[in-house]
C-alpha atoms as a PDB file:
ATOM      1  CA  MET A   1     -49.541  38.705-133.335  1.00  0.00           C
ATOM      2  CA  ALA A   2     -49.944  39.907-129.619  1.00  0.00           C
ATOM      3  CA  ASP A   3     -53.682  38.776-130.244  1.00  0.00           C
ATOM      4  CA  ILE A   4     -53.476  35.420-131.906  1.00  0.00           C
ATOM      5  CA  ALA A   5     -50.575  33.467-129.264  1.00  0.00           C
ATOM      6  CA  THR A   6     -50.665  35.690-126.376  1.00  0.00           C
ATOM      7  CA  PRO A   7     -48.554  32.951-123.324  1.00  0.00           C
ATOM      8  CA  VAL A   8     -52.164  32.381-122.383  1.00  0.00           C
ATOM      9  CA  PHE A   9     -53.065  31.096-125.634  1.00  0.00           C
ATOM     10  CA  LEU A  10     -49.335  29.079-125.538  1.00  0.00           C
ATOM     11  CA  ASP A  11     -50.022  27.873-122.318  1.00  0.00           C
ATOM     12  CA  SER A  12     -54.033  26.665-123.244  1.00  0.00           C
ATOM     13  CA  LEU A  13     -52.093  24.275-126.259  1.00  0.00           C
ATOM     14  CA  LYS A  14     -50.044  23.291-124.244  1.00  0.00           C
ATOM     15  CA  ALA A  15     -52.367  21.946-121.123  1.00  0.00           C
ATOM     16  CA  LEU A  16     -55.362  19.794-123.842  1.00  0.00           C
ATOM     17  CA  TYR A  17     -52.191  17.410-123.271  1.00  0.00           C
ATOM     18  CA  PRO A  18     -52.367  15.035-121.287  1.00  0.00           C
ATOM     19  CA  ALA A  19     -49.423  14.944-118.210  1.00  0.00           C
ATOM     20  CA  ASP A  20     -47.420  11.736-118.661  1.00  0.00           C
ATOM     21  CA  GLY A  21     -48.342   9.931-121.919  1.00  0.00           C
ATOM     22  CA  PRO A  22     -47.644   6.881-123.141  1.00  0.00           C
ATOM     23  CA  SER A  23     -46.053   7.194-125.815  1.00  0.00           C
ATOM     24  CA  THR A  24     -43.414   9.713-124.576  1.00  0.00           C
ATOM     25  CA  LYS A  25     -41.850   6.792-121.983  1.00  0.00           C
ATOM     26  CA  ALA A  26     -41.911   4.792-125.138  1.00  0.00           C
ATOM     27  CA  TYR A  27     -39.824   6.683-127.513  1.00  0.00           C
ATOM     28  CA  PRO A  28     -36.547   7.505-125.933  1.00  0.00           C
ATOM     29  CA  GLY A  29     -36.052  11.310-126.920  1.00  0.00           C
ATOM     30  CA  ALA A  30     -39.862  11.846-127.138  1.00  0.00           C
ATOM     31  CA  LEU A  31     -40.342  15.701-126.210  1.00  0.00           C
ATOM     32  CA  ALA A  32     -42.765  14.832-123.001  1.00  0.00           C
ATOM     33  CA  ASN A  33     -45.510  17.136-124.197  1.00  0.00           C
ATOM     34  CA  PRO A  34     -45.466  17.786-128.311  1.00  0.00           C
ATOM     35  CA  TRP A  35     -47.543  20.729-128.214  1.00  0.00           C
ATOM     36  CA  VAL A  36     -44.325  23.019-129.359  1.00  0.00           C
ATOM     37  CA  ILE A  37     -44.492  20.864-132.397  1.00  0.00           C
ATOM     38  CA  VAL A  38     -48.051  20.635-133.637  1.00  0.00           C
ATOM     39  CA  ALA A  39     -48.420  24.421-132.272  1.00  0.00           C
ATOM     40  CA  ALA A  40     -45.698  25.960-134.795  1.00  0.00           C
ATOM     41  CA  VAL A  41     -46.339  23.409-137.806  1.00  0.00           C
ATOM     42  CA  ALA A  42     -50.199  24.281-137.625  1.00  0.00           C
ATOM     43  CA  PHE A  43     -49.345  28.072-137.567  1.00  0.00           C
ATOM     44  CA  SER A  44     -47.521  27.470-140.705  1.00  0.00           C
ATOM     45  CA  ALA A  45     -49.406  25.375-141.828  1.00  0.00           C
ATOM     46  CA  SER A  46     -51.830  28.527-140.744  1.00  0.00           C
ATOM     47  CA  ASN A  47     -50.041  30.276-143.341  1.00  0.00           C
ATOM     48  CA  VAL A  48     -49.068  32.761-139.566  1.00  0.00           C
ATOM     49  CA  PRO A  49     -45.742  32.268-139.875  1.00  0.00           C
ATOM     50  CA  GLU A  50     -44.644  35.374-137.724  1.00  0.00           C
ATOM     51  CA  ALA A  51     -46.651  33.335-134.435  1.00  0.00           C
ATOM     52  CA  VAL A  52     -43.817  29.885-135.221  1.00  0.00           C
ATOM     53  CA  PRO A  53     -41.299  31.816-133.612  1.00  0.00           C
ATOM     54  CA  VAL A  54     -43.040  32.644-130.761  1.00  0.00           C
ATOM     55  CA  VAL A  55     -44.710  29.642-129.951  1.00  0.00           C
ATOM     56  CA  PHE A  56     -40.875  28.394-129.856  1.00  0.00           C
ATOM     57  CA  LYS A  57     -39.312  31.370-127.691  1.00  0.00           C
ATOM     58  CA  HIS A  58     -42.428  29.988-125.617  1.00  0.00           C
ATOM     59  CA  ALA A  59     -41.322  26.857-125.147  1.00  0.00           C
ATOM     60  CA  LEU A  60     -38.294  27.538-124.779  1.00  0.00           C
ATOM     61  CA  ALA A  61     -38.469  29.863-121.814  1.00  0.00           C
ATOM     62  CA  GLU A  62     -40.183  26.634-120.187  1.00  0.00           C
ATOM     63  CA  LEU A  63     -37.123  24.423-120.891  1.00  0.00           C
ATOM     64  CA  HIS A  64     -35.034  26.994-119.375  1.00  0.00           C
ATOM     65  CA  ALA A  65     -37.616  27.780-116.088  1.00  0.00           C
ATOM     66  CA  ASP A  66     -37.131  23.865-116.400  1.00  0.00           C
ATOM     67  CA  GLN A  67     -34.568  23.139-117.062  1.00  0.00           C
ATOM     68  CA  GLN A  68     -33.109  25.868-113.673  1.00  0.00           C
ATOM     69  CA  ALA A  69     -35.728  23.940-111.241  1.00  0.00           C
ATOM     70  CA  ARG A  70     -34.111  21.101-111.816  1.00  0.00           C
ATOM     71  CA  GLY A  71     -30.061  22.182-111.333  1.00  0.00           C
ATOM     72  CA  VAL A  72     -29.155  21.328-115.105  1.00  0.00           C
ATOM     73  CA  THR A  73     -26.540  23.530-116.399  1.00  0.00           C
ATOM     74  CA  GLY A  74     -23.356  23.025-118.784  1.00  0.00           C
ATOM     75  CA  ASP A  75     -23.843  20.873-121.875  1.00  0.00           C
ATOM     76  CA  VAL A  76     -26.812  18.989-120.744  1.00  0.00           C
ATOM     77  CA  ALA A  77     -28.473  22.133-120.537  1.00  0.00           C
ATOM     78  CA  ILE A  78     -27.531  23.157-124.097  1.00  0.00           C
ATOM     79  CA  GLN A  79     -27.967  19.433-125.409  1.00  0.00           C
ATOM     80  CA  GLU A  80     -31.843  19.853-123.856  1.00  0.00           C
ATOM     81  CA  GLN A  81     -32.222  23.141-125.255  1.00  0.00           C
ATOM     82  CA  LEU A  82     -30.670  21.920-129.065  1.00  0.00           C
ATOM     83  CA  ASN A  83     -32.766  19.125-129.089  1.00  0.00           C
ATOM     84  CA  LEU A  84     -35.937  21.426-128.889  1.00  0.00           C
ATOM     85  CA  ALA A  85     -34.572  23.388-131.197  1.00  0.00           C
ATOM     86  CA  ARG A  86     -34.013  20.557-133.247  1.00  0.00           C
ATOM     87  CA  LYS A  87     -37.246  19.571-133.364  1.00  0.00           C
ATOM     88  CA  VAL A  88     -39.305  22.529-134.224  1.00  0.00           C
ATOM     89  CA  ARG A  89     -37.162  22.913-137.167  1.00  0.00           C
ATOM     90  CA  GLU A  90     -37.649  19.496-138.414  1.00  0.00           C
ATOM     91  CA  SER A  91     -42.090  19.433-137.910  1.00  0.00           C
ATOM     92  CA  VAL A  92     -41.492  22.963-139.479  1.00  0.00           C
ATOM     93  CA  PHE A  93     -39.712  21.617-142.114  1.00  0.00           C
ATOM     94  CA  GLN A  94     -41.706  18.328-142.656  1.00  0.00           C
ATOM     95  CA  SER A  95     -44.454  19.966-142.922  1.00  0.00           C
ATOM     96  CA  GLY A  96     -43.707  21.489-145.629  1.00  0.00           C
ATOM     97  CA  LEU A  97     -44.547  18.581-148.168  1.00  0.00           C
ATOM     98  CA  LEU A  98     -48.026  18.841-147.084  1.00  0.00           C
ATOM     99  CA  SER A  99     -48.735  22.964-146.742  1.00  0.00           C
ATOM    100  CA  GLY A 100     -46.540  23.983-149.158  1.00  0.00           C
ATOM    101  CA  MET A 101     -42.347  25.075-148.585  1.00  0.00           C
ATOM    102  CA  PRO A 102     -43.512  28.829-149.395  1.00  0.00           C
ATOM    103  CA  ARG A 103     -44.881  28.624-145.701  1.00  0.00           C
ATOM    104  CA  THR A 104     -42.600  26.562-144.641  1.00  0.00           C
ATOM    105  CA  ILE A 105     -39.336  28.698-145.672  1.00  0.00           C
ATOM    106  CA  ASN A 106     -40.770  31.692-144.238  1.00  0.00           C
ATOM    107  CA  SER A 107     -42.054  29.787-141.157  1.00  0.00           C
ATOM    108  CA  LEU A 108     -38.034  28.676-140.397  1.00  0.00           C
ATOM    109  CA  PHE A 109     -36.654  32.601-141.476  1.00  0.00           C
ATOM    110  CA  ALA A 110     -38.904  34.092-139.340  1.00  0.00           C
ATOM    111  CA  LEU A 111     -37.568  31.358-136.877  1.00  0.00           C
ATOM    112  CA  SER A 112     -33.984  31.932-137.386  1.00  0.00           C
ATOM    113  CA  GLU A 113     -34.637  35.412-136.725  1.00  0.00           C
ATOM    114  CA  VAL A 114     -34.875  34.758-132.193  1.00  0.00           C
ATOM    115  CA  MET A 115     -32.273  31.941-133.120  1.00  0.00           C
ATOM    116  CA  PRO A 116     -29.807  31.453-130.528  1.00  0.00           C
ATOM    117  CA  GLU A 117     -26.912  30.666-132.160  1.00  0.00           C
ATOM    118  CA  ASN A 118     -25.723  28.096-130.211  1.00  0.00           C
ATOM    119  CA  LEU A 119     -28.801  26.305-131.288  1.00  0.00           C
ATOM    120  CA  ARG A 120     -28.585  27.371-134.744  1.00  0.00           C
ATOM    121  CA  GLU A 121     -27.273  24.416-137.167  1.00  0.00           C
ATOM    122  CA  THR A 122     -24.190  24.666-139.167  1.00  0.00           C
ATOM    123  CA  LYS A 123     -24.950  21.560-141.700  1.00  0.00           C
ATOM    124  CA  THR A 124     -27.424  19.508-143.545  1.00  0.00           C
ATOM    125  CA  LEU A 125     -28.901  17.178-141.476  1.00  0.00           C
ATOM    126  CA  ARG A 126     -30.312  15.061-144.187  1.00  0.00           C
ATOM    127  CA  ASP A 127     -26.880  12.279-145.420  1.00  0.00           C
ATOM    128  CA  THR A 128     -26.785  14.277-149.266  1.00  0.00           C
ATOM    129  CA  ASN A 129     -24.783  11.134-150.310  1.00  0.00           C
ATOM    130  CA  LYS A 130     -27.051   8.775-149.901  1.00  0.00           C
ATOM    131  CA  HIS A 131     -28.377   6.748-152.595  1.00  0.00           C
ATOM    132  CA  MET A 132     -31.979   6.655-153.948  1.00  0.00           C
ATOM    133  CA  SER A 133     -32.215   3.148-154.106  1.00  0.00           C
ATOM    134  CA  GLU A 134     -31.480   3.247-149.927  1.00  0.00           C
ATOM    135  CA  CYS A 135     -34.446   6.468-149.583  1.00  0.00           C
ATOM    136  CA  ASP A 136     -36.377   3.419-151.787  1.00  0.00           C
ATOM    137  CA  ARG A 137     -36.406   0.840-149.021  1.00  0.00           C
ATOM    138  CA  ARG A 138     -36.161   3.309-146.178  1.00  0.00           C
ATOM    139  CA  GLY A 139     -39.700   5.117-147.506  1.00  0.00           C
ATOM    140  CA  GLU A 140     -40.838   1.800-147.302  1.00  0.00           C
ATOM    141  CA  GLU A 141     -39.978   0.541-144.165  1.00  0.00           C
ATOM    142  CA  LEU A 142     -41.176   4.099-142.355  1.00  0.00           C
ATOM    143  CA  PHE A 143     -44.939   3.552-144.333  1.00  0.00           C
ATOM    144  CA  ARG A 144     -45.446   0.025-143.386  1.00  0.00           C
ATOM    145  CA  ALA A 145     -44.259   1.543-139.951  1.00  0.00           C
ATOM    146  CA  MET A 146     -46.387   3.910-139.548  1.00  0.00           C
ATOM    147  CA  TYR A 147     -49.328   2.236-142.360  1.00  0.00           C
ATOM    148  CA  ARG A 148     -48.852  -1.488-140.999  1.00  0.00           C
ATOM    149  CA  ASP A 149     -52.202  -2.997-141.387  1.00  0.00           C
ATOM    150  CA  THR A 150     -53.502  -0.133-144.160  1.00  0.00           C
ATOM    151  CA  ALA A 151     -50.111   0.119-146.178  1.00  0.00           C
ATOM    152  CA  ASP A 152     -50.581  -2.232-149.187  1.00  0.00           C
ATOM    153  CA  THR A 153     -53.701  -0.080-149.769  1.00  0.00           C
ATOM    154  CA  VAL A 154     -53.122   3.125-149.234  1.00  0.00           C
ATOM    155  CA  GLN A 155     -49.531   2.314-151.570  1.00  0.00           C
ATOM    156  CA  GLY A 156     -52.260   0.908-153.523  1.00  0.00           C
ATOM    157  CA  LEU A 157     -54.161   4.036-153.989  1.00  0.00           C
ATOM    158  CA  LEU A 158     -51.694   6.803-154.539  1.00  0.00           C
ATOM    159  CA  ASP A 159     -49.868   4.031-157.601  1.00  0.00           C
ATOM    160  CA  ALA A 160     -53.633   3.665-159.229  1.00  0.00           C
ATOM    161  CA  ALA A 161     -53.732   7.626-159.594  1.00  0.00           C
ATOM    162  CA  TYR A 162     -50.480   7.712-160.474  1.00  0.00           C
ATOM    163  CA  PRO A 163     -47.716   5.720-160.426  1.00  0.00           C
ATOM    164  CA  ASP A 164     -44.615   8.615-160.223  1.00  0.00           C
ATOM    165  CA  LEU A 165     -47.257   9.898-156.874  1.00  0.00           C
ATOM    166  CA  GLY A 166     -46.639   6.739-155.720  1.00  0.00           C
ATOM    167  CA  TRP A 167     -42.717   6.985-155.998  1.00  0.00           C
ATOM    168  CA  PHE A 168     -42.605   9.776-154.749  1.00  0.00           C
ATOM    169  CA  CYS A 169     -44.966   9.382-151.396  1.00  0.00           C
ATOM    170  CA  ASN A 170     -42.635   6.113-150.790  1.00  0.00           C
ATOM    171  CA  THR A 171     -39.201   8.040-151.119  1.00  0.00           C
ATOM    172  CA  VAL A 172     -39.246  11.402-151.346  1.00  0.00           C
ATOM    173  CA  GLY A 173     -41.473  11.860-148.771  1.00  0.00           C
ATOM    174  CA  TYR A 174     -40.680   9.018-146.592  1.00  0.00           C
ATOM    175  CA  GLY A 175     -37.623   8.011-147.579  1.00  0.00           C
ATOM    176  CA  LEU A 176     -36.477  11.317-147.603  1.00  0.00           C
ATOM    177  CA  THR A 177     -38.927  14.434-146.344  1.00  0.00           C
ATOM    178  CA  TYR A 178     -40.201  12.396-143.098  1.00  0.00           C
ATOM    179  CA  GLY A 179     -37.012   9.416-142.606  1.00  0.00           C
ATOM    180  CA  GLY A 180     -34.287  11.010-143.897  1.00  0.00           C
ATOM    181  CA  ALA A 181     -32.453  12.166-140.197  1.00  0.00           C
ATOM    182  CA  SER A 182     -33.231  10.986-136.696  1.00  0.00           C
ATOM    183  CA  ILE A 183     -34.842  14.094-134.703  1.00  0.00           C
ATOM    184  CA  LEU A 184     -38.159  13.806-134.902  1.00  0.00           C
ATOM    185  CA  THR A 185     -39.579  10.396-133.082  1.00  0.00           C
ATOM    186  CA  GLN A 186     -41.912   8.237-135.338  1.00  0.00           C
ATOM    187  CA  LEU A 187     -44.522   9.575-133.888  1.00  0.00           C
ATOM    188  CA  GLU A 188     -42.967  12.852-134.269  1.00  0.00           C
ATOM    189  CA  SER A 189     -43.700  12.982-137.803  1.00  0.00           C
ATOM    190  CA  THR A 190     -47.239  12.089-137.005  1.00  0.00           C
ATOM    191  CA  TYR A 191     -48.170  15.344-135.611  1.00  0.00           C
ATOM    192  CA  ALA A 192     -46.879  16.438-137.920  1.00  0.00           C
ATOM    193  CA  ILE A 193     -48.049  15.144-140.257  1.00  0.00           C
ATOM    194  CA  VAL A 194     -51.169  15.012-138.695  1.00  0.00           C
ATOM    195  CA  ALA A 195     -51.339  19.183-138.190  1.00  0.00           C
ATOM    196  CA  ALA A 196     -50.212  19.998-141.447  1.00  0.00           C
ATOM    197  CA  LEU A 197     -52.537  18.477-142.925  1.00  0.00           C
ATOM    198  CA  ILE A 198     -56.019  19.557-140.351  1.00  0.00           C
ATOM    199  CA  ALA A 199     -54.634  23.435-141.089  1.00  0.00           C
ATOM    200  CA  VAL A 200     -54.667  22.635-144.833  1.00  0.00           C
ATOM    201  CA  ASP A 201     -58.176  21.169-144.522  1.00  0.00           C
ATOM    202  CA  ALA A 202     -57.166  17.559-145.603  1.00  0.00           C
ATOM    203  CA  PRO A 203     -59.786  15.430-144.037  1.00  0.00           C
ATOM    204  CA  ARG A 204     -58.557  11.995-145.436  1.00  0.00           C
ATOM    205  CA  GLN A 205     -55.694  12.276-144.802  1.00  0.00           C
ATOM    206  CA  VAL A 206     -55.810  13.005-141.487  1.00  0.00           C
ATOM    207  CA  ALA A 207     -58.446  10.229-140.852  1.00  0.00           C
ATOM    208  CA  TRP A 208     -55.283   7.738-142.386  1.00  0.00           C
ATOM    209  CA  HIS A 209     -52.750   9.587-139.717  1.00  0.00           C
ATOM    210  CA  LEU A 210     -54.712  10.230-136.350  1.00  0.00           C
ATOM    211  CA  ALA A 211     -55.013   6.670-137.113  1.00  0.00           C
ATOM    212  CA  ASN A 212     -51.755   6.316-137.763  1.00  0.00           C
ATOM    213  CA  ALA A 213     -51.231   8.105-133.728  1.00  0.00           C
ATOM    214  CA  ARG A 214     -52.730   5.245-132.894  1.00  0.00           C
ATOM    215  CA  HIS A 215     -52.284   1.812-133.697  1.00  0.00           C
ATOM    216  CA  GLY A 216     -48.386   2.478-135.853  1.00  0.00           C
ATOM    217  CA  GLY A 217     -47.210   5.370-133.479  1.00  0.00           C
ATOM    218  CA  GLY A 218     -48.698   3.694-129.958  1.00  0.00           C
ATOM    219  CA  ALA A 219     -50.289   6.465-128.564  1.00  0.00           C
ATOM    220  CA  ALA A 220     -52.764   6.639-126.709  1.00  0.00           C
ATOM    221  CA  PRO A 221     -57.212   7.845-127.401  1.00  0.00           C
ATOM    222  CA  GLY A 222     -56.038  10.638-125.168  1.00  0.00           C
ATOM    223  CA  GLU A 223     -52.664  12.104-126.482  1.00  0.00           C
ATOM    224  CA  VAL A 224     -54.150  11.812-129.488  1.00  0.00           C
ATOM    225  CA  SER A 225     -56.988  13.620-129.519  1.00  0.00           C
ATOM    226  CA  ALA A 226     -55.333  16.398-127.458  1.00  0.00           C
ATOM    227  CA  VAL A 227     -53.204  16.651-130.978  1.00  0.00           C
ATOM    228  CA  ARG A 228     -55.934  17.161-132.512  1.00  0.00           C
ATOM    229  CA  ALA A 229     -58.158  19.518-130.687  1.00  0.00           C
ATOM    230  CA  ILE A 230     -54.064  21.575-130.382  1.00  0.00           C
ATOM    231  CA  ALA A 231     -54.072  22.048-133.884  1.00  0.00           C
ATOM    232  CA  VAL A 232     -57.370  22.802-134.332  1.00  0.00           C
ATOM    233  CA  GLU A 233     -57.329  25.422-131.669  1.00  0.00           C
ATOM    234  CA  VAL A 234     -54.034  26.570-133.433  1.00  0.00           C
ATOM    235  CA  ALA A 235     -55.862  26.851-137.624  1.00  0.00           C
ATOM    236  CA  SER A 236     -59.278  28.303-136.430  1.00  0.00           C
ATOM    237  CA  ARG A 237     -57.510  31.163-134.550  1.00  0.00           C
ATOM    238  CA  ALA A 238     -54.919  31.730-137.457  1.00  0.00           C
ATOM    239  CA  GLY A 239     -58.571  31.849-139.848  1.00  0.00           C
ATOM    240  CA  VAL A 240     -58.726  28.270-141.032  1.00  0.00           C
ATOM    241  CA  VAL A 241     -62.734  27.594-141.595  1.00  0.00           C
ATOM    242  CA  TRP A 242     -63.185  23.764-143.066  1.00  0.00           C
ATOM    243  CA  LYS A 243     -66.221  22.780-145.479  1.00  0.00           C
ATOM    244  CA  GLU A 244     -67.096  19.878-143.776  1.00  0.00           C
ATOM    245  CA  GLY A 245     -65.049  19.774-140.529  1.00  0.00           C
ATOM    246  CA  VAL A 246     -62.380  17.813-138.585  1.00  0.00           C
ATOM    247  CA  PRO A 247     -62.156  14.100-138.295  1.00  0.00           C
ATOM    248  CA  ASP A 248     -62.327  12.448-134.275  1.00  0.00           C
ATOM    249  CA  VAL A 249     -60.046   9.869-133.577  1.00  0.00           C
ATOM    250  CA  VAL A 250     -61.779   6.649-133.782  1.00  0.00           C
ATOM    251  CA  ASP A 251     -60.345   3.909-131.930  1.00  0.00           C
ATOM    252  CA  PRO A 252     -61.822   0.500-132.424  1.00  0.00           C
END
């Protein structure tokens, strides 16, 4: 593990993402640099769960140093740290829908082993009493926000392949999983999706969600290209080999 997630490598991943990206300013509560989400998900989806806590600890140490430089202490400092911990946990959790829950379970187990006690969760963040019809509604809302003009086309493909697949993607995928908790911004969820899809070599869906990041999430081309590059670097380092390569960011 010391060879696959070294501080130098993690710093190089962070440096790939452009500073002061416009999309982070558009979403209150978003991480200024989402590299940690992308790297954690890419390692998890590449079946290297032991690297996930290394990524988190590196990002947390950087946050501590930044807080010290800014003079941030007390409850405000703890809340910033909790925000980071929640985003890493949630992004890995959401990615399990694409890479498989066993990989997510192993990654969250590994992350839990290094999680400071004051940054752990004590209760479920999702509303477990929410009616299924509300999940239907939330799923369609988020699906359309992400896919925009192509939403009906993609939903039609899913429904035509198997109606239960269309329902599952809308209600369980977007309504309960991606849209079930207010931890990640829409764009952060899209970045986590891209990272997982790159690691599992699903080029059609990678192309869809790179486009979603641009047009549904409002990310600049450089930001989306950086997310793709981070995920590719991590997955490649983990031993992933792509049959036909990874789609590029297309900006019409």
